[in-house]
PDB file of N, CA and C in Angstrom:
ATOM      1  N   MET A   1     -88.759  24.922-171.556  1.00  0.00           N
ATOM      2  CA  MET A   1     -87.753  25.946-171.398  1.00  0.00           C
ATOM      3  C   MET A   1     -86.862  25.961-172.636  1.00  0.00           C
ATOM      4  N   ASN A   2     -86.506  27.129-173.055  1.00  0.00           N
ATOM      5  CA  ASN A   2     -85.624  27.295-174.204  1.00  0.00           C
ATOM      6  C   ASN A   2     -84.199  26.916-173.798  1.00  0.00           C
ATOM      7  N   THR A   3     -83.745  25.781-174.277  1.00  0.00           N
ATOM      8  CA  THR A   3     -82.400  25.329-173.886  1.00  0.00           C
ATOM      9  C   THR A   3     -81.316  26.232-174.461  1.00  0.00           C
ATOM     10  N   GLU A   4     -81.620  26.984-175.514  1.00  0.00           N
ATOM     11  CA  GLU A   4     -80.633  27.919-176.053  1.00  0.00           C
ATOM     12  C   GLU A   4     -80.248  28.966-175.014  1.00  0.00           C
ATOM     13  N   ASP A   5     -81.214  29.451-174.233  1.00  0.00           N
ATOM     14  CA  ASP A   5     -80.910  30.457-173.218  1.00  0.00           C
ATOM     15  C   ASP A   5     -80.147  29.866-172.036  1.00  0.00           C
ATOM     16  N   THR A   6     -80.470  28.636-171.650  1.00  0.00           N
ATOM     17  CA  THR A   6     -79.691  28.011-170.571  1.00  0.00           C
ATOM     18  C   THR A   6     -78.285  27.689-171.051  1.00  0.00           C
ATOM     19  N   ASP A   7     -78.142  27.240-172.283  1.00  0.00           N
ATOM     20  CA  ASP A   7     -76.807  27.008-172.849  1.00  0.00           C
ATOM     21  C   ASP A   7     -76.014  28.307-172.922  1.00  0.00           C
ATOM     22  N   TYR A   8     -76.696  29.392-173.295  1.00  0.00           N
ATOM     23  CA  TYR A   8     -76.039  30.691-173.381  1.00  0.00           C
ATOM     24  C   TYR A   8     -75.499  31.104-172.018  1.00  0.00           C
ATOM     25  N   LEU A   9     -76.323  30.956-170.985  1.00  0.00           N
ATOM     26  CA  LEU A   9     -75.894  31.301-169.628  1.00  0.00           C
ATOM     27  C   LEU A   9     -74.702  30.442-169.212  1.00  0.00           C
ATOM     28  N   SER A  10     -74.725  29.170-169.529  1.00  0.00           N
ATOM     29  CA  SER A  10     -73.613  28.276-169.209  1.00  0.00           C
ATOM     30  C   SER A  10     -72.329  28.702-169.917  1.00  0.00           C
ATOM     31  N   ARG A  11     -72.449  29.062-171.176  1.00  0.00           N
ATOM     32  CA  ARG A  11     -71.267  29.506-171.934  1.00  0.00           C
ATOM     33  C   ARG A  11     -70.730  30.827-171.380  1.00  0.00           C
ATOM     34  N   TRP A  12     -71.625  31.747-171.012  1.00  0.00           N
ATOM     35  CA  TRP A  12     -71.194  33.023-170.456  1.00  0.00           C
ATOM     36  C   TRP A  12     -70.450  32.784-169.141  1.00  0.00           C
ATOM     37  N   PHE A  13     -70.987  31.911-168.314  1.00  0.00           N
ATOM     38  CA  PHE A  13     -70.333  31.575-167.046  1.00  0.00           C
ATOM     39  C   PHE A  13     -68.942  30.997-167.299  1.00  0.00           C
ATOM     40  N   ALA A  14     -68.857  30.022-168.186  1.00  0.00           N
ATOM     41  CA  ALA A  14     -67.561  29.385-168.479  1.00  0.00           C
ATOM     42  C   ALA A  14     -66.555  30.393-169.018  1.00  0.00           C
ATOM     43  N   LYS A  15     -67.020  31.319-169.847  1.00  0.00           N
ATOM     44  CA  LYS A  15     -66.133  32.338-170.420  1.00  0.00           C
ATOM     45  C   LYS A  15     -65.527  33.227-169.332  1.00  0.00           C
ATOM     46  N   ASN A  16     -66.274  33.475-168.270  1.00  0.00           N
ATOM     47  CA  ASN A  16     -65.805  34.365-167.208  1.00  0.00           C
ATOM     48  C   ASN A  16     -65.027  33.650-166.118  1.00  0.00           C
ATOM     49  N   CYS A  17     -65.057  32.330-166.113  1.00  0.00           N
ATOM     50  CA  CYS A  17     -64.260  31.569-165.144  1.00  0.00           C
ATOM     51  C   CYS A  17     -62.792  31.633-165.562  1.00  0.00           C
ATOM     52  N   ASP A  18     -61.996  32.273-164.728  1.00  0.00           N
ATOM     53  CA  ASP A  18     -60.586  32.462-165.058  1.00  0.00           C
ATOM     54  C   ASP A  18     -59.646  32.001-163.951  1.00  0.00           C
ATOM     55  N   GLY A  19     -60.166  31.231-163.023  1.00  0.00           N
ATOM     56  CA  GLY A  19     -59.362  30.790-161.896  1.00  0.00           C
ATOM     57  C   GLY A  19     -59.538  31.665-160.667  1.00  0.00           C
ATOM     58  N   ASP A  20     -60.061  32.878-160.863  1.00  0.00           N
ATOM     59  CA  ASP A  20     -60.308  33.803-159.749  1.00  0.00           C
ATOM     60  C   ASP A  20     -61.780  34.192-159.649  1.00  0.00           C
ATOM     61  N   TRP A  21     -62.348  34.616-160.786  1.00  0.00           N
ATOM     62  CA  TRP A  21     -63.710  35.161-160.789  1.00  0.00           C
ATOM     63  C   TRP A  21     -64.702  34.233-160.115  1.00  0.00           C
ATOM     64  N   GLU A  22     -64.650  32.957-160.459  1.00  0.00           N
ATOM     65  CA  GLU A  22     -65.652  32.007-159.958  1.00  0.00           C
ATOM     66  C   GLU A  22     -65.537  31.722-158.464  1.00  0.00           C
ATOM     67  N   HIS A  23     -64.430  32.129-157.841  1.00  0.00           N
ATOM     68  CA  HIS A  23     -64.283  31.929-156.391  1.00  0.00           C
ATOM     69  C   HIS A  23     -65.029  32.989-155.584  1.00  0.00           C
ATOM     70  N   GLN A  24     -65.224  34.168-156.170  1.00  0.00           N
ATOM     71  CA  GLN A  24     -65.908  35.249-155.468  1.00  0.00           C
ATOM     72  C   GLN A  24     -67.237  35.637-156.109  1.00  0.00           C
ATOM     73  N   GLN A  25     -67.372  35.409-157.405  1.00  0.00           N
ATOM     74  CA  GLN A  25     -68.559  35.793-158.153  1.00  0.00           C
ATOM     75  C   GLN A  25     -69.284  34.530-158.632  1.00  0.00           C
ATOM     76  N   GLY A  26     -70.444  34.736-159.221  1.00  0.00           N
ATOM     77  CA  GLY A  26     -71.165  33.588-159.744  1.00  0.00           C
ATOM     78  C   GLY A  26     -72.571  33.946-160.171  1.00  0.00           C
ATOM     79  N   ILE A  27     -73.397  32.931-160.268  1.00  0.00           N
ATOM     80  CA  ILE A  27     -74.773  33.064-160.711  1.00  0.00           C
ATOM     81  C   ILE A  27     -75.668  32.345-159.702  1.00  0.00           C
ATOM     82  N   LYS A  28     -76.750  33.010-159.320  1.00  0.00           N
ATOM     83  CA  LYS A  28     -77.730  32.398-158.417  1.00  0.00           C
ATOM     84  C   LYS A  28     -79.077  32.366-159.120  1.00  0.00           C
ATOM     85  N   ILE A  29     -79.696  31.215-159.085  1.00  0.00           N
ATOM     86  CA  ILE A  29     -81.069  31.066-159.573  1.00  0.00           C
ATOM     87  C   ILE A  29     -81.846  30.469-158.416  1.00  0.00           C
ATOM     88  N   GLN A  30     -82.808  31.226-157.917  1.00  0.00           N
ATOM     89  CA  GLN A  30     -83.534  30.744-156.741  1.00  0.00           C
ATOM     90  C   GLN A  30     -85.013  31.081-156.826  1.00  0.00           C
ATOM     91  N   THR A  31     -85.764  30.353-156.048  1.00  0.00           N
ATOM     92  CA  THR A  31     -87.197  30.624-155.971  1.00  0.00           C
ATOM     93  C   THR A  31     -87.441  31.677-154.900  1.00  0.00           C
ATOM     94  N   THR A  32     -88.592  32.339-155.022  1.00  0.00           N
ATOM     95  CA  THR A  32     -89.007  33.322-154.026  1.00  0.00           C
ATOM     96  C   THR A  32     -90.353  32.901-153.469  1.00  0.00           C
ATOM     97  N   ASP A  33     -90.751  33.539-152.394  1.00  0.00           N
ATOM     98  CA  ASP A  33     -91.977  33.114-151.721  1.00  0.00           C
ATOM     99  C   ASP A  33     -93.243  33.802-152.229  1.00  0.00           C
ATOM    100  N   ASN A  34     -93.173  34.507-153.353  1.00  0.00           N
ATOM    101  CA  ASN A  34     -94.381  35.200-153.794  1.00  0.00           C
ATOM    102  C   ASN A  34     -95.329  34.410-154.712  1.00  0.00           C
ATOM    103  N   PRO A  35     -95.244  33.260-155.227  1.00  0.00           N
ATOM    104  CA  PRO A  35     -94.054  32.488-155.582  1.00  0.00           C
ATOM    105  C   PRO A  35     -93.464  33.021-156.883  1.00  0.00           C
ATOM    106  N   GLY A  36     -92.195  32.818-157.043  1.00  0.00           N
ATOM    107  CA  GLY A  36     -91.546  33.295-158.246  1.00  0.00           C
ATOM    108  C   GLY A  36     -90.092  32.883-158.328  1.00  0.00           C
ATOM    109  N   TRP A  37     -89.366  33.581-159.202  1.00  0.00           N
ATOM    110  CA  TRP A  37     -87.959  33.299-159.474  1.00  0.00           C
ATOM    111  C   TRP A  37     -87.140  34.569-159.364  1.00  0.00           C
ATOM    112  N   HIS A  38     -85.878  34.392-158.993  1.00  0.00           N
ATOM    113  CA  HIS A  38     -84.915  35.486-158.958  1.00  0.00           C
ATOM    114  C   HIS A  38     -83.593  34.953-159.509  1.00  0.00           C
ATOM    115  N   ILE A  39     -83.076  35.646-160.501  1.00  0.00           N
ATOM    116  CA  ILE A  39     -81.767  35.320-161.055  1.00  0.00           C
ATOM    117  C   ILE A  39     -80.845  36.476-160.744  1.00  0.00           C
ATOM    118  N   GLN A  40     -79.677  36.166-160.206  1.00  0.00           N
ATOM    119  CA  GLN A  40     -78.678  37.190-159.921  1.00  0.00           C
ATOM    120  C   GLN A  40     -77.354  36.756-160.539  1.00  0.00           C
ATOM    121  N   VAL A  41     -76.790  37.624-161.364  1.00  0.00           N
ATOM    122  CA  VAL A  41     -75.530  37.340-162.034  1.00  0.00           C
ATOM    123  C   VAL A  41     -74.519  38.393-161.611  1.00  0.00           C
ATOM    124  N   ASP A  42     -73.419  37.953-161.011  1.00  0.00           N
ATOM    125  CA  ASP A  42     -72.360  38.879-160.628  1.00  0.00           C
ATOM    126  C   ASP A  42     -71.651  39.387-161.878  1.00  0.00           C
ATOM    127  N   LEU A  43     -71.528  40.714-161.960  1.00  0.00           N
ATOM    128  CA  LEU A  43     -70.897  41.342-163.115  1.00  0.00           C
ATOM    129  C   LEU A  43     -69.511  41.900-162.797  1.00  0.00           C
ATOM    130  N   TYR A  44     -69.133  41.851-161.528  1.00  0.00           N
ATOM    131  CA  TYR A  44     -67.819  42.367-161.139  1.00  0.00           C
ATOM    132  C   TYR A  44     -66.728  41.633-161.923  1.00  0.00           C
ATOM    133  N   ASP A  45     -65.788  42.391-162.409  1.00  0.00           N
ATOM    134  CA  ASP A  45     -64.654  41.864-163.162  1.00  0.00           C
ATOM    135  C   ASP A  45     -65.086  41.189-164.470  1.00  0.00           C
ATOM    136  N   THR A  46     -66.189  41.690-165.053  1.00  0.00           N
ATOM    137  CA  THR A  46     -66.608  41.289-166.392  1.00  0.00           C
ATOM    138  C   THR A  46     -66.718  42.566-167.217  1.00  0.00           C
ATOM    139  N   GLU A  47     -67.013  42.436-168.474  1.00  0.00           N
ATOM    140  CA  GLU A  47     -67.145  43.609-169.335  1.00  0.00           C
ATOM    141  C   GLU A  47     -68.343  44.480-168.963  1.00  0.00           C
ATOM    142  N   PHE A  48     -69.213  44.004-168.078  1.00  0.00           N
ATOM    143  CA  PHE A  48     -70.430  44.728-167.706  1.00  0.00           C
ATOM    144  C   PHE A  48     -70.388  45.306-166.293  1.00  0.00           C
ATOM    145  N   GLU A  49     -69.243  45.315-165.633  1.00  0.00           N
ATOM    146  CA  GLU A  49     -69.191  45.669-164.218  1.00  0.00           C
ATOM    147  C   GLU A  49     -69.616  47.098-163.899  1.00  0.00           C
ATOM    148  N   GLY A  50     -69.521  48.028-164.807  1.00  0.00           N
ATOM    149  CA  GLY A  50     -69.899  49.412-164.512  1.00  0.00           C
ATOM    150  C   GLY A  50     -71.311  49.776-164.898  1.00  0.00           C
ATOM    151  N   ILE A  51     -72.081  48.832-165.389  1.00  0.00           N
ATOM    152  CA  ILE A  51     -73.430  49.125-165.885  1.00  0.00           C
ATOM    153  C   ILE A  51     -74.436  49.130-164.737  1.00  0.00           C
ATOM    154  N   SER A  52     -75.324  50.124-164.779  1.00  0.00           N
ATOM    155  CA  SER A  52     -76.338  50.249-163.740  1.00  0.00           C
ATOM    156  C   SER A  52     -77.617  50.809-164.368  1.00  0.00           C
ATOM    157  N   PHE A  53     -78.753  50.268-163.969  1.00  0.00           N
ATOM    158  CA  PHE A  53     -80.038  50.856-164.322  1.00  0.00           C
ATOM    159  C   PHE A  53     -81.053  50.463-163.251  1.00  0.00           C
ATOM    160  N   PRO A  54     -82.057  51.321-163.034  1.00  0.00           N
ATOM    161  CA  PRO A  54     -83.032  51.064-161.967  1.00  0.00           C
ATOM    162  C   PRO A  54     -83.989  49.935-162.324  1.00  0.00           C
ATOM    163  N   VAL A  55     -84.796  49.574-161.356  1.00  0.00           N
ATOM    164  CA  VAL A  55     -85.804  48.535-161.560  1.00  0.00           C
ATOM    165  C   VAL A  55     -86.753  48.957-162.669  1.00  0.00           C
ATOM    166  N   TYR A  56     -87.013  48.040-163.566  1.00  0.00           N
ATOM    167  CA  TYR A  56     -87.998  48.241-164.610  1.00  0.00           C
ATOM    168  C   TYR A  56     -88.767  46.937-164.719  1.00  0.00           C
ATOM    169  N   SER A  57     -90.092  47.012-164.696  1.00  0.00           N
ATOM    170  CA  SER A  57     -90.885  45.782-164.739  1.00  0.00           C
ATOM    171  C   SER A  57     -92.019  45.887-165.752  1.00  0.00           C
ATOM    172  N   VAL A  58     -92.507  44.713-166.118  1.00  0.00           N
ATOM    173  CA  VAL A  58     -93.614  44.587-167.061  1.00  0.00           C
ATOM    174  C   VAL A  58     -94.634  43.646-166.433  1.00  0.00           C
ATOM    175  N   GLY A  59     -95.863  44.072-166.345  1.00  0.00           N
ATOM    176  CA  GLY A  59     -96.917  43.217-165.796  1.00  0.00           C
ATOM    177  C   GLY A  59     -96.834  43.093-164.282  1.00  0.00           C
ATOM    178  N   ASP A  60     -97.635  42.178-163.765  1.00  0.00           N
ATOM    179  CA  ASP A  60     -97.699  41.916-162.325  1.00  0.00           C
ATOM    180  C   ASP A  60     -96.653  40.867-161.962  1.00  0.00           C
ATOM    181  N   ILE A  61     -95.631  41.285-161.239  1.00  0.00           N
ATOM    182  CA  ILE A  61     -94.503  40.405-160.900  1.00  0.00           C
ATOM    183  C   ILE A  61     -94.974  39.161-160.145  1.00  0.00           C
ATOM    184  N   ASP A  62     -96.037  39.278-159.360  1.00  0.00           N
ATOM    185  CA  ASP A  62     -96.507  38.140-158.570  1.00  0.00           C
ATOM    186  C   ASP A  62     -97.241  37.090-159.399  1.00  0.00           C
ATOM    187  N   THR A  63     -97.542  37.401-160.646  1.00  0.00           N
ATOM    188  CA  THR A  63     -98.248  36.410-161.465  1.00  0.00           C
ATOM    189  C   THR A  63     -97.426  36.098-162.717  1.00  0.00           C
ATOM    190  N   ASP A  64     -97.650  36.856-163.777  1.00  0.00           N
ATOM    191  CA  ASP A  64     -96.978  36.541-165.036  1.00  0.00           C
ATOM    192  C   ASP A  64     -96.001  37.624-165.491  1.00  0.00           C
ATOM    193  N   GLY A  65     -95.775  38.627-164.680  1.00  0.00           N
ATOM    194  CA  GLY A  65     -94.870  39.706-165.049  1.00  0.00           C
ATOM    195  C   GLY A  65     -93.428  39.394-164.667  1.00  0.00           C
ATOM    196  N   PHE A  66     -92.541  40.317-165.000  1.00  0.00           N
ATOM    197  CA  PHE A  66     -91.132  40.159-164.658  1.00  0.00           C
ATOM    198  C   PHE A  66     -90.466  41.520-164.670  1.00  0.00           C
ATOM    199  N   GLY A  67     -89.293  41.574-164.096  1.00  0.00           N
ATOM    200  CA  GLY A  67     -88.565  42.829-164.027  1.00  0.00           C
ATOM    201  C   GLY A  67     -87.071  42.599-163.983  1.00  0.00           C
ATOM    202  N   VAL A  68     -86.326  43.685-164.160  1.00  0.00           N
ATOM    203  CA  VAL A  68     -84.868  43.637-164.118  1.00  0.00           C
ATOM    204  C   VAL A  68     -84.339  44.882-163.423  1.00  0.00           C
ATOM    205  N   ARG A  69     -83.129  44.774-162.925  1.00  0.00           N
ATOM    206  CA  ARG A  69     -82.373  45.923-162.451  1.00  0.00           C
ATOM    207  C   ARG A  69     -80.902  45.524-162.491  1.00  0.00           C
ATOM    208  N   CYS A  70     -80.069  46.513-162.568  1.00  0.00           N
ATOM    209  CA  CYS A  70     -78.628  46.269-162.593  1.00  0.00           C
ATOM    210  C   CYS A  70     -78.011  47.291-161.652  1.00  0.00           C
ATOM    211  N   GLU A  71     -77.444  46.808-160.549  1.00  0.00           N
ATOM    212  CA  GLU A  71     -76.834  47.691-159.559  1.00  0.00           C
ATOM    213  C   GLU A  71     -75.856  46.896-158.710  1.00  0.00           C
ATOM    214  N   ASP A  72     -74.935  47.594-158.099  1.00  0.00           N
ATOM    215  CA  ASP A  72     -73.953  46.957-157.218  1.00  0.00           C
ATOM    216  C   ASP A  72     -73.254  45.784-157.898  1.00  0.00           C
ATOM    217  N   PHE A  73     -72.894  45.961-159.168  1.00  0.00           N
ATOM    218  CA  PHE A  73     -72.169  44.944-159.929  1.00  0.00           C
ATOM    219  C   PHE A  73     -72.965  43.650-160.113  1.00  0.00           C
ATOM    220  N   LYS A  74     -74.302  43.751-160.102  1.00  0.00           N
ATOM    221  CA  LYS A  74     -75.128  42.561-160.247  1.00  0.00           C
ATOM    222  C   LYS A  74     -76.291  42.829-161.208  1.00  0.00           C
ATOM    223  N   PHE A  75     -76.537  41.852-162.076  1.00  0.00           N
ATOM    224  CA  PHE A  75     -77.734  41.850-162.911  1.00  0.00           C
ATOM    225  C   PHE A  75     -78.772  41.032-162.169  1.00  0.00           C
ATOM    226  N   ASN A  76     -79.959  41.575-161.978  1.00  0.00           N
ATOM    227  CA  ASN A  76     -81.050  40.881-161.299  1.00  0.00           C
ATOM    228  C   ASN A  76     -82.264  40.831-162.207  1.00  0.00           C
ATOM    229  N   ALA A  77     -82.840  39.659-162.333  1.00  0.00           N
ATOM    230  CA  ALA A  77     -84.098  39.482-163.053  1.00  0.00           C
ATOM    231  C   ALA A  77     -85.021  38.703-162.127  1.00  0.00           C
ATOM    232  N   PHE A  78     -86.282  39.090-162.094  1.00  0.00           N
ATOM    233  CA  PHE A  78     -87.217  38.474-161.154  1.00  0.00           C
ATOM    234  C   PHE A  78     -88.605  38.447-161.767  1.00  0.00           C
ATOM    235  N   GLY A  79     -89.377  37.455-161.352  1.00  0.00           N
ATOM    236  CA  GLY A  79     -90.723  37.345-161.891  1.00  0.00           C
ATOM    237  C   GLY A  79     -91.523  36.266-161.212  1.00  0.00           C
ATOM    238  N   GLY A  80     -92.683  36.007-161.759  1.00  0.00           N
ATOM    239  CA  GLY A  80     -93.618  35.047-161.188  1.00  0.00           C
ATOM    240  C   GLY A  80     -93.182  33.603-161.373  1.00  0.00           C
ATOM    241  N   ALA A  81     -94.020  32.709-160.901  1.00  0.00           N
ATOM    242  CA  ALA A  81     -93.695  31.280-160.840  1.00  0.00           C
ATOM    243  C   ALA A  81     -93.408  30.652-162.200  1.00  0.00           C
ATOM    244  N   ARG A  82     -93.924  31.210-163.258  1.00  0.00           N
ATOM    245  CA  ARG A  82     -93.722  30.623-164.591  1.00  0.00           C
ATOM    246  C   ARG A  82     -92.785  31.460-165.464  1.00  0.00           C
ATOM    247  N   SER A  83     -92.022  32.350-164.847  1.00  0.00           N
ATOM    248  CA  SER A  83     -91.233  33.317-165.618  1.00  0.00           C
ATOM    249  C   SER A  83     -89.770  32.923-165.841  1.00  0.00           C
ATOM    250  N   LEU A  84     -89.328  31.798-165.342  1.00  0.00           N
ATOM    251  CA  LEU A  84     -87.909  31.447-165.466  1.00  0.00           C
ATOM    252  C   LEU A  84     -87.395  31.503-166.907  1.00  0.00           C
ATOM    253  N   PRO A  85     -88.095  30.967-167.896  1.00  0.00           N
ATOM    254  CA  PRO A  85     -87.584  31.073-169.266  1.00  0.00           C
ATOM    255  C   PRO A  85     -87.392  32.526-169.721  1.00  0.00           C
ATOM    256  N   GLN A  86     -88.334  33.401-169.374  1.00  0.00           N
ATOM    257  CA  GLN A  86     -88.216  34.805-169.751  1.00  0.00           C
ATOM    258  C   GLN A  86     -87.025  35.466-169.067  1.00  0.00           C
ATOM    259  N   LEU A  87     -86.763  35.094-167.819  1.00  0.00           N
ATOM    260  CA  LEU A  87     -85.650  35.698-167.081  1.00  0.00           C
ATOM    261  C   LEU A  87     -84.311  35.313-167.691  1.00  0.00           C
ATOM    262  N   LEU A  88     -84.187  34.061-168.088  1.00  0.00           N
ATOM    263  CA  LEU A  88     -82.953  33.627-168.750  1.00  0.00           C
ATOM    264  C   LEU A  88     -82.787  34.349-170.086  1.00  0.00           C
ATOM    265  N   ALA A  89     -83.880  34.530-170.802  1.00  0.00           N
ATOM    266  CA  ALA A  89     -83.829  35.249-172.078  1.00  0.00           C
ATOM    267  C   ALA A  89     -83.461  36.719-171.868  1.00  0.00           C
ATOM    268  N   LEU A  90     -83.913  37.315-170.764  1.00  0.00           N
ATOM    269  CA  LEU A  90     -83.565  38.707-170.473  1.00  0.00           C
ATOM    270  C   LEU A  90     -82.066  38.865-170.244  1.00  0.00           C
ATOM    271  N   PHE A  91     -81.456  37.914-169.545  1.00  0.00           N
ATOM    272  CA  PHE A  91     -80.009  38.012-169.346  1.00  0.00           C
ATOM    273  C   PHE A  91     -79.287  37.907-170.685  1.00  0.00           C
ATOM    274  N   ARG A  92     -79.716  36.993-171.505  1.00  0.00           N
ATOM    275  CA  ARG A  92     -79.083  36.846-172.825  1.00  0.00           C
ATOM    276  C   ARG A  92     -79.199  38.143-173.628  1.00  0.00           C
ATOM    277  N   LYS A  93     -80.382  38.743-173.614  1.00  0.00           N
ATOM    278  CA  LYS A  93     -80.593  39.993-174.339  1.00  0.00           C
ATOM    279  C   LYS A  93     -79.720  41.106-173.759  1.00  0.00           C
ATOM    280  N   PHE A  94     -79.583  41.150-172.442  1.00  0.00           N
ATOM    281  CA  PHE A  94     -78.717  42.124-171.772  1.00  0.00           C
ATOM    282  C   PHE A  94     -77.284  42.013-172.293  1.00  0.00           C
ATOM    283  N   VAL A  95     -76.753  40.814-172.335  1.00  0.00           N
ATOM    284  CA  VAL A  95     -75.372  40.610-172.796  1.00  0.00           C
ATOM    285  C   VAL A  95     -75.245  40.937-174.273  1.00  0.00           C
ATOM    286  N   GLU A  96     -76.151  40.404-175.081  1.00  0.00           N
ATOM    287  CA  GLU A  96     -76.050  40.608-176.533  1.00  0.00           C
ATOM    288  C   GLU A  96     -76.232  42.062-176.950  1.00  0.00           C
ATOM    289  N   SER A  97     -76.900  42.861-176.108  1.00  0.00           N
ATOM    290  CA  SER A  97     -77.085  44.280-176.426  1.00  0.00           C
ATOM    291  C   SER A  97     -75.941  45.135-175.907  1.00  0.00           C
ATOM    292  N   GLY A  98     -74.969  44.526-175.290  1.00  0.00           N
ATOM    293  CA  GLY A  98     -73.838  45.281-174.751  1.00  0.00           C
ATOM    294  C   GLY A  98     -74.108  45.893-173.396  1.00  0.00           C
ATOM    295  N   GLY A  99     -75.115  45.380-172.683  1.00  0.00           N
ATOM    296  CA  GLY A  99     -75.409  45.837-171.335  1.00  0.00           C
ATOM    297  C   GLY A  99     -76.573  46.799-171.225  1.00  0.00           C
ATOM    298  N   LYS A 100     -77.399  46.886-172.245  1.00  0.00           N
ATOM    299  CA  LYS A 100     -78.571  47.744-172.175  1.00  0.00           C
ATOM    300  C   LYS A 100     -79.692  47.036-171.419  1.00  0.00           C
ATOM    301  N   ASN A 101     -80.583  47.826-170.842  1.00  0.00           N
ATOM    302  CA  ASN A 101     -81.742  47.266-170.162  1.00  0.00           C
ATOM    303  C   ASN A 101     -82.536  46.435-171.181  1.00  0.00           C
ATOM    304  N   PRO A 102     -82.693  45.140-170.942  1.00  0.00           N
ATOM    305  CA  PRO A 102     -83.358  44.282-171.928  1.00  0.00           C
ATOM    306  C   PRO A 102     -84.855  44.522-172.076  1.00  0.00           C
ATOM    307  N   LEU A 103     -85.444  45.297-171.182  1.00  0.00           N
ATOM    308  CA  LEU A 103     -86.870  45.581-171.290  1.00  0.00           C
ATOM    309  C   LEU A 103     -87.142  46.902-172.002  1.00  0.00           C
ATOM    310  N   LEU A 104     -86.077  47.622-172.351  1.00  0.00           N
ATOM    311  CA  LEU A 104     -86.244  48.876-173.084  1.00  0.00           C
ATOM    312  C   LEU A 104     -85.602  48.730-174.451  1.00  0.00           C
ATOM    313  N   ASP A 105     -86.381  48.841-175.479  1.00  0.00           N
ATOM    314  CA  ASP A 105     -85.833  48.729-176.842  1.00  0.00           C
ATOM    315  C   ASP A 105     -85.734  50.067-177.517  1.00  0.00           C
TER     316      ASP A 105
END
């Protein structure tokens, strides 16, 4: 796993912790039963809270593909059992691009 992307996520989380945000918002990284991964990052009360885009995916999500969507003040990335590094990289790309869909260049 690319530790730069996990470090980036940790720094982004710490930057948004202000004594209030972390009590109601946060980050979830969980497994799914397809098998796969789902990352959800709360964007409420961050610079990205108004950003929304529909589901966009690449490849077969149940195997080696992955996808993203941004809605209801949440960034969601999901993919197959070996996709966790790509999902973390997608969040980093989302932030560094100013909130653009990381799968559309």
